[in-house]
Structures are given as C-alpha cells and as structure tokens.
C-alpha atoms as a PDB file:
ATOM      1  CA  MET A   1      16.630 -10.984   6.796  1.00  0.00           C
ATOM      2  CA  ASN A   2      20.402 -10.840   6.726  1.00  0.00           C
ATOM      3  CA  TYR A   3      22.933 -12.659   4.490  1.00  0.00           C
ATOM      4  CA  LEU A   4      21.499 -16.151   4.901  1.00  0.00           C
ATOM      5  CA  GLY A   5      17.948 -14.928   4.351  1.00  0.00           C
ATOM      6  CA  HIS A   6      18.797 -12.993   1.216  1.00  0.00           C
ATOM      7  CA  ALA A   7      20.788 -15.974  -0.088  1.00  0.00           C
ATOM      8  CA  TYR A   8      17.883 -18.342   0.508  1.00  0.00           C
ATOM      9  CA  LEU A   9      15.427 -15.909  -1.091  1.00  0.00           C
ATOM     10  CA  SER A  10      17.473 -15.848  -4.298  1.00  0.00           C
ATOM     11  CA  PHE A  11      16.314 -19.416  -5.018  1.00  0.00           C
ATOM     12  CA  ASN A  12      19.548 -20.624  -6.666  1.00  0.00           C
ATOM     13  CA  ASP A  13      19.759 -17.842  -9.270  1.00  0.00           C
ATOM     14  CA  PRO A  14      23.467 -16.774  -9.298  1.00  0.00           C
ATOM     15  CA  GLU A  15      23.041 -13.246 -10.663  1.00  0.00           C
ATOM     16  CA  LEU A  16      19.984 -12.557  -8.538  1.00  0.00           C
ATOM     17  CA  LEU A  17      22.032 -13.850  -5.593  1.00  0.00           C
ATOM     18  CA  VAL A  18      24.805 -11.292  -6.142  1.00  0.00           C
ATOM     19  CA  GLY A  19      22.452  -8.341  -5.954  1.00  0.00           C
ATOM     20  CA  ASN A  20      20.278  -9.799  -3.229  1.00  0.00           C
ATOM     21  CA  MET A  21      23.178 -10.647  -0.893  1.00  0.00           C
ATOM     22  CA  ALA A  22      25.173  -7.462  -1.529  1.00  0.00           C
ATOM     23  CA  GLY A  23      22.132  -5.197  -1.536  1.00  0.00           C
ATOM     24  CA  ASP A  24      23.271  -3.041   1.377  1.00  0.00           C
ATOM     25  CA  TYR A  25      26.457  -2.039  -0.450  1.00  0.00           C
ATOM     26  CA  VAL A  26      25.002  -0.287  -3.489  1.00  0.00           C
ATOM     27  CA  LYS A  27      22.906   2.808  -2.834  1.00  0.00           C
ATOM     28  CA  GLY A  28      20.542   4.665  -5.160  1.00  0.00           C
ATOM     29  CA  LEU A  29      19.318   3.825  -8.633  1.00  0.00           C
ATOM     30  CA  VAL A  30      22.127   5.384 -10.682  1.00  0.00           C
ATOM     31  CA  ALA A  31      24.716   3.069  -9.104  1.00  0.00           C
ATOM     32  CA  LEU A  32      22.724   0.051 -10.335  1.00  0.00           C
ATOM     33  CA  GLU A  33      23.155   0.949 -13.994  1.00  0.00           C
ATOM     34  CA  LYS A  34      26.637  -0.593 -14.195  1.00  0.00           C
ATOM     35  CA  PHE A  35      25.316  -4.074 -13.366  1.00  0.00           C
ATOM     36  CA  PRO A  36      23.748  -6.657 -15.702  1.00  0.00           C
ATOM     37  CA  ALA A  37      19.959  -6.655 -15.678  1.00  0.00           C
ATOM     38  CA  ARG A  38      19.536  -9.771 -13.528  1.00  0.00           C
ATOM     39  CA  VAL A  39      22.044  -8.532 -10.914  1.00  0.00           C
ATOM     40  CA  LYS A  40      20.218  -5.201 -10.869  1.00  0.00           C
ATOM     41  CA  ASP A  41      16.992  -7.150 -10.286  1.00  0.00           C
ATOM     42  CA  GLY A  42      18.701  -8.754  -7.286  1.00  0.00           C
ATOM     43  CA  TYR A  43      19.531  -5.386  -5.770  1.00  0.00           C
ATOM     44  CA  LEU A  44      15.980  -4.165  -6.281  1.00  0.00           C
ATOM     45  CA  LEU A  45      14.642  -7.421  -4.822  1.00  0.00           C
ATOM     46  CA  HIS A  46      16.824  -6.919  -1.744  1.00  0.00           C
ATOM     47  CA  ARG A  47      15.250  -3.498  -1.196  1.00  0.00           C
ATOM     48  CA  LYS A  48      11.746  -4.898  -1.635  1.00  0.00           C
ATOM     49  CA  ILE A  49      12.457  -7.674   0.870  1.00  0.00           C
ATOM     50  CA  ASP A  50      13.762  -5.163   3.406  1.00  0.00           C
ATOM     51  CA  HIS A  51      10.712  -2.930   2.964  1.00  0.00           C
ATOM     52  CA  TYR A  52       8.306  -5.853   3.224  1.00  0.00           C
ATOM     53  CA  ALA A  53      10.069  -7.102   6.357  1.00  0.00           C
ATOM     54  CA  ASP A  54       9.946  -3.658   7.977  1.00  0.00           C
ATOM     55  CA  MET A  55       6.197  -3.412   7.444  1.00  0.00           C
ATOM     56  CA  HIS A  56       5.171  -6.941   8.447  1.00  0.00           C
ATOM     57  CA  PRO A  57       3.107  -7.043  11.682  1.00  0.00           C
ATOM     58  CA  ALA A  58       5.169  -9.892  13.182  1.00  0.00           C
ATOM     59  CA  ASN A  59       8.331  -7.857  12.788  1.00  0.00           C
ATOM     60  CA  GLN A  60       6.700  -4.744  14.172  1.00  0.00           C
ATOM     61  CA  ARG A  61       6.008  -6.785  17.305  1.00  0.00           C
ATOM     62  CA  ALA A  62       9.529  -8.200  17.426  1.00  0.00           C
ATOM     63  CA  LYS A  63      11.159  -4.784  17.036  1.00  0.00           C
ATOM     64  CA  LEU A  64       9.412  -3.506  20.168  1.00  0.00           C
ATOM     65  CA  ILE A  65      11.755  -5.660  22.243  1.00  0.00           C
ATOM     66  CA  PHE A  66      14.786  -3.725  20.975  1.00  0.00           C
ATOM     67  CA  ARG A  67      13.365  -0.297  20.163  1.00  0.00           C
ATOM     68  CA  GLY A  68      13.885   1.222  23.626  1.00  0.00           C
ATOM     69  CA  ASP A  69      17.655   0.674  23.566  1.00  0.00           C
ATOM     70  CA  PHE A  70      18.336   0.610  19.840  1.00  0.00           C
ATOM     71  CA  GLY A  71      15.732   2.796  18.118  1.00  0.00           C
ATOM     72  CA  LEU A  72      15.949   2.526  14.342  1.00  0.00           C
ATOM     73  CA  TYR A  73      18.613  -0.167  14.632  1.00  0.00           C
ATOM     74  CA  SER A  74      15.977  -2.567  15.980  1.00  0.00           C
ATOM     75  CA  GLY A  75      15.109  -3.612  12.419  1.00  0.00           C
ATOM     76  CA  ALA A  76      18.732  -4.516  11.636  1.00  0.00           C
ATOM     77  CA  ILE A  77      18.906  -6.542  14.853  1.00  0.00           C
ATOM     78  CA  ILE A  78      15.771  -8.462  13.889  1.00  0.00           C
ATOM     79  CA  ASP A  79      17.238  -9.121  10.421  1.00  0.00           C
ATOM     80  CA  THR A  80      20.336 -10.617  12.028  1.00  0.00           C
ATOM     81  CA  ILE A  81      18.597 -12.858  14.545  1.00  0.00           C
ATOM     82  CA  TYR A  82      16.057 -14.053  11.966  1.00  0.00           C
ATOM     83  CA  ASP A  83      18.947 -15.639  10.090  1.00  0.00           C
ATOM     84  CA  HIS A  84      19.517 -17.751  13.225  1.00  0.00           C
ATOM     85  CA  PHE A  85      15.899 -18.898  13.180  1.00  0.00           C
ATOM     86  CA  LEU A  86      16.052 -19.533   9.421  1.00  0.00           C
ATOM     87  CA  ALA A  87      19.181 -21.653   9.854  1.00  0.00           C
ATOM     88  CA  ASN A  88      17.262 -23.740  12.397  1.00  0.00           C
ATOM     89  CA  ASP A  89      13.993 -23.906  10.437  1.00  0.00           C
ATOM     90  CA  ALA A  90      13.504 -27.645   9.905  1.00  0.00           C
ATOM     91  CA  LYS A  91      11.066 -27.013   7.072  1.00  0.00           C
ATOM     92  CA  ILE A  92      13.787 -25.238   5.075  1.00  0.00           C
ATOM     93  CA  PHE A  93      16.987 -26.846   6.385  1.00  0.00           C
ATOM     94  CA  PRO A  94      15.941 -30.177   7.935  1.00  0.00           C
ATOM     95  CA  THR A  95      19.485 -31.043   9.035  1.00  0.00           C
ATOM     96  CA  GLU A  96      22.832 -29.367   9.658  1.00  0.00           C
ATOM     97  CA  THR A  97      24.065 -31.163   6.552  1.00  0.00           C
ATOM     98  CA  ALA A  98      21.328 -29.582   4.443  1.00  0.00           C
ATOM     99  CA  LEU A  99      22.269 -26.117   5.698  1.00  0.00           C
ATOM    100  CA  HIS A 100      25.972 -26.781   5.127  1.00  0.00           C
ATOM    101  CA  GLN A 101      25.328 -28.014   1.589  1.00  0.00           C
ATOM    102  CA  PHE A 102      23.235 -24.932   0.865  1.00  0.00           C
ATOM    103  CA  THR A 103      25.993 -22.616   2.085  1.00  0.00           C
ATOM    104  CA  GLN A 104      28.567 -24.331  -0.129  1.00  0.00           C
ATOM    105  CA  GLU A 105      26.276 -23.944  -3.148  1.00  0.00           C
ATOM    106  CA  VAL A 106      25.921 -20.227  -2.357  1.00  0.00           C
ATOM    107  CA  TYR A 107      29.697 -19.773  -2.257  1.00  0.00           C
ATOM    108  CA  ILE A 108      30.102 -21.642  -5.553  1.00  0.00           C
ATOM    109  CA  MET A 109      27.551 -19.322  -7.173  1.00  0.00           C
ATOM    110  CA  LEU A 110      29.200 -16.215  -5.725  1.00  0.00           C
ATOM    111  CA  ASP A 111      32.645 -17.453  -6.815  1.00  0.00           C
ATOM    112  CA  SER A 112      31.363 -17.714 -10.378  1.00  0.00           C
ATOM    113  CA  LYS A 113      30.220 -14.066 -10.250  1.00  0.00           C
ATOM    114  CA  VAL A 114      32.868 -12.598  -7.941  1.00  0.00           C
ATOM    115  CA  TYR A 115      33.775  -9.946 -10.537  1.00  0.00           C
ATOM    116  CA  LEU A 116      30.273  -8.501 -10.081  1.00  0.00           C
ATOM    117  CA  LEU A 117      30.527  -8.035  -6.314  1.00  0.00           C
ATOM    118  CA  PRO A 118      30.679  -4.432  -5.097  1.00  0.00           C
ATOM    119  CA  GLU A 119      34.082  -3.497  -3.724  1.00  0.00           C
ATOM    120  CA  LYS A 120      33.247  -3.377  -0.021  1.00  0.00           C
ATOM    121  CA  PHE A 121      31.395  -6.705  -0.101  1.00  0.00           C
ATOM    122  CA  ALA A 122      34.204  -8.254  -2.169  1.00  0.00           C
ATOM    123  CA  GLN A 123      36.759  -7.231   0.484  1.00  0.00           C
ATOM    124  CA  TYR A 124      35.290  -9.432   3.189  1.00  0.00           C
ATOM    125  CA  TYR A 125      33.629 -12.106   1.050  1.00  0.00           C
ATOM    126  CA  PRO A 126      36.728 -14.383   1.285  1.00  0.00           C
ATOM    127  CA  LYS A 127      36.467 -14.240   5.091  1.00  0.00           C
ATOM    128  CA  MET A 128      32.727 -14.960   4.925  1.00  0.00           C
ATOM    129  CA  LYS A 129      33.432 -18.028   2.809  1.00  0.00           C
ATOM    130  CA  GLU A 130      36.470 -19.233   4.769  1.00  0.00           C
ATOM    131  CA  GLN A 131      34.677 -18.990   8.129  1.00  0.00           C
ATOM    132  CA  ASN A 132      31.311 -20.005   6.633  1.00  0.00           C
ATOM    133  CA  TRP A 133      29.319 -17.211   8.226  1.00  0.00           C
ATOM    134  CA  LEU A 134      26.136 -18.485   6.582  1.00  0.00           C
ATOM    135  CA  PHE A 135      26.371 -21.823   8.372  1.00  0.00           C
ATOM    136  CA  HIS A 136      27.320 -20.377  11.748  1.00  0.00           C
ATOM    137  CA  TYR A 137      24.064 -18.461  12.045  1.00  0.00           C
ATOM    138  CA  ARG A 138      22.727 -21.835  13.218  1.00  0.00           C
ATOM    139  CA  SER A 139      24.299 -21.612  16.673  1.00  0.00           C
ATOM    140  CA  VAL A 140      23.418 -19.085  19.366  1.00  0.00           C
ATOM    141  CA  LYS A 141      27.123 -18.207  19.534  1.00  0.00           C
ATOM    142  CA  GLY A 142      27.092 -17.585  15.793  1.00  0.00           C
ATOM    143  CA  ALA A 143      24.101 -15.287  16.201  1.00  0.00           C
ATOM    144  CA  GLU A 144      26.014 -13.394  18.893  1.00  0.00           C
ATOM    145  CA  ARG A 145      29.012 -12.980  16.566  1.00  0.00           C
ATOM    146  CA  SER A 146      26.678 -11.731  13.833  1.00  0.00           C
ATOM    147  CA  LEU A 147      25.271  -9.109  16.197  1.00  0.00           C
ATOM    148  CA  GLN A 148      28.824  -8.052  17.050  1.00  0.00           C
ATOM    149  CA  GLY A 149      29.569  -7.743  13.335  1.00  0.00           C
ATOM    150  CA  LEU A 150      26.482  -5.591  12.902  1.00  0.00           C
ATOM    151  CA  ALA A 151      27.684  -3.329  15.720  1.00  0.00           C
ATOM    152  CA  ARG A 152      31.101  -2.942  14.051  1.00  0.00           C
ATOM    153  CA  ARG A 153      29.481  -1.864  10.769  1.00  0.00           C
ATOM    154  CA  ALA A 154      26.943   0.472  12.415  1.00  0.00           C
ATOM    155  CA  ILE A 155      29.329   2.868  14.134  1.00  0.00           C
ATOM    156  CA  HIS A 156      26.588   4.876  15.875  1.00  0.00           C
ATOM    157  CA  MET A 157      24.852   1.837  17.347  1.00  0.00           C
ATOM    158  CA  PRO A 158      24.859   1.574  21.150  1.00  0.00           C
ATOM    159  CA  PRO A 159      26.796  -1.350  22.710  1.00  0.00           C
ATOM    160  CA  ILE A 160      25.290  -4.566  21.353  1.00  0.00           C
ATOM    161  CA  GLU A 161      25.387  -6.724  24.500  1.00  0.00           C
ATOM    162  CA  PRO A 162      21.856  -5.740  25.659  1.00  0.00           C
ATOM    163  CA  ALA A 163      20.504  -6.805  22.258  1.00  0.00           C
ATOM    164  CA  TYR A 164      22.054 -10.250  22.666  1.00  0.00           C
ATOM    165  CA  MET A 165      20.613 -10.577  26.167  1.00  0.00           C
ATOM    166  CA  ALA A 166      17.173  -9.500  24.904  1.00  0.00           C
ATOM    167  CA  PHE A 167      17.479 -12.083  22.112  1.00  0.00           C
ATOM    168  CA  ILE A 168      18.211 -14.849  24.630  1.00  0.00           C
ATOM    169  CA  THR A 169      15.576 -13.702  27.114  1.00  0.00           C
ATOM    170  CA  ASN A 170      12.868 -13.453  24.440  1.00  0.00           C
ATOM    171  CA  TYR A 171      14.116 -16.356  22.303  1.00  0.00           C
ATOM    172  CA  TYR A 172      10.849 -18.278  21.951  1.00  0.00           C
ATOM    173  CA  TYR A 173       8.747 -15.167  21.417  1.00  0.00           C
ATOM    174  CA  LEU A 174      11.106 -13.951  18.669  1.00  0.00           C
ATOM    175  CA  ASN A 175      11.145 -17.415  17.111  1.00  0.00           C
ATOM    176  CA  GLN A 176       7.344 -17.289  16.941  1.00  0.00           C
ATOM    177  CA  CYS A 177       7.517 -13.862  15.296  1.00  0.00           C
ATOM    178  CA  TYR A 178       9.852 -15.403  12.705  1.00  0.00           C
ATOM    179  CA  PHE A 179       7.391 -18.257  12.066  1.00  0.00           C
ATOM    180  CA  ASP A 180       4.520 -15.756  11.728  1.00  0.00           C
ATOM    181  CA  PHE A 181       6.571 -13.964   9.068  1.00  0.00           C
ATOM    182  CA  ILE A 182       8.562 -16.440   6.989  1.00  0.00           C
ATOM    183  CA  ASP A 183       5.791 -18.088   4.945  1.00  0.00           C
ATOM    184  CA  ASP A 184       4.355 -14.685   4.007  1.00  0.00           C
ATOM    185  CA  LEU A 185       7.824 -13.499   3.008  1.00  0.00           C
ATOM    186  CA  VAL A 186       8.583 -16.533   0.825  1.00  0.00           C
ATOM    187  CA  LYS A 187       5.245 -16.169  -0.955  1.00  0.00           C
ATOM    188  CA  TYR A 188       5.866 -12.440  -1.494  1.00  0.00           C
ATOM    189  CA  VAL A 189       9.371 -12.980  -2.890  1.00  0.00           C
ATOM    190  CA  ARG A 190       8.317 -15.773  -5.243  1.00  0.00           C
ATOM    191  CA  THR A 191       5.616 -13.468  -6.630  1.00  0.00           C
ATOM    192  CA  GLU A 192       8.133 -10.640  -7.079  1.00  0.00           C
ATOM    193  CA  ILE A 193      10.617 -12.915  -8.847  1.00  0.00           C
ATOM    194  CA  SER A 194       7.916 -14.257 -11.157  1.00  0.00           C
ATOM    195  CA  ALA A 195       7.082 -10.689 -12.135  1.00  0.00           C
ATOM    196  CA  LEU A 196      10.738 -10.110 -13.155  1.00  0.00           C
ATOM    197  CA  LYS A 197      10.722 -12.828 -15.816  1.00  0.00           C
END
C-alpha cells in the first residue's frame, strides 16, 4: 500500500498515522528513538505492513506483471496502484464524498502532529494536502501521476510508462489481486495494532 493505504490502516489514530504514512522516510531502529512511543509504533507498523504485502500470494501474482521490466521495483508499483483500487473500494469508501471526507480528516490529524513529521516528508506534505493526493488516487489519471511520482523518487527505476500501460492492460486482473489481499491485510493490521496496546 502507498500513502492512502497506510493512512487508512492507521484507523484514525493521529500518532500512529504519522509513523505509518511517513514510514519510508525513517530508516533503521536507532532513528526511531527520537519519536514518541505511539509514533514509533506507526513506523514499525508501516514496516510490518510492507513485509506482509510483499509476502502475500495475491501480490506475488500481481508483481509478475511488472517484474520483467521493473525487477525489485514491481512491489513499489503494486503499492501505488493498490491505492487506486482502495480509493474505489465501495466497501471502504462507498462514495467520492466518503473518500474526500476521509482525506480531509487525515490532513487535520497530520496538521495537529506536523512537528513530528520527518524532514523530507514535511517538505512536500503541504503540496500533498493542497493538491489532495490521497483523493486523486481514485482516478486512473491520478494513479498515473502517482506512478510518475514514484519514478521521480526512485532514480534508478526504468521509464515508468510501460508500468502504466501494464496497469491499464491488466486492470481487472490487478483489481482482483487487490480484492484477494485487502481483507487479509485489514485483519492482520487490526491484530498488530491490538497487540500494541
């Protein structure tokens, strides 16, 4: 999962949200020591989610579509396009309004904890909020822009256009992989969060 997925899987806990959403920007265990315990839990949860997602059979199948051209980056591509499917998951966000309201609640929570954001995430968070990246995962065009953003951050990634074309060509298959994964993931994360309390 990407930003929307990690936001959703924080289940409205502001400090958990900080660590879970910014999890890719703090490396190692020593770096976590400067954060409050619940934010640290969020970072560790982010890592557990990523590991669980990498190992899930549905995602192993989905990654095969991209592995030939993108190798190890195939997992990051799946994370990005799964946020598109999450944004369109009627069981979670039954309407555009529900998704929009959720995104605004996320930004309010992050605003209240902005001083805890790691520097690199904090630099582009205002742009994320202003352009409402979380909401725009819903459209295919928004998914394309997210893939382009991934390519900008991953400087050694091959040109991203073939990944977008593979996403469109295999749209329904990838959507089914998402559906085969999401309920297992939610159950896993709820169990992990319960163990933190």
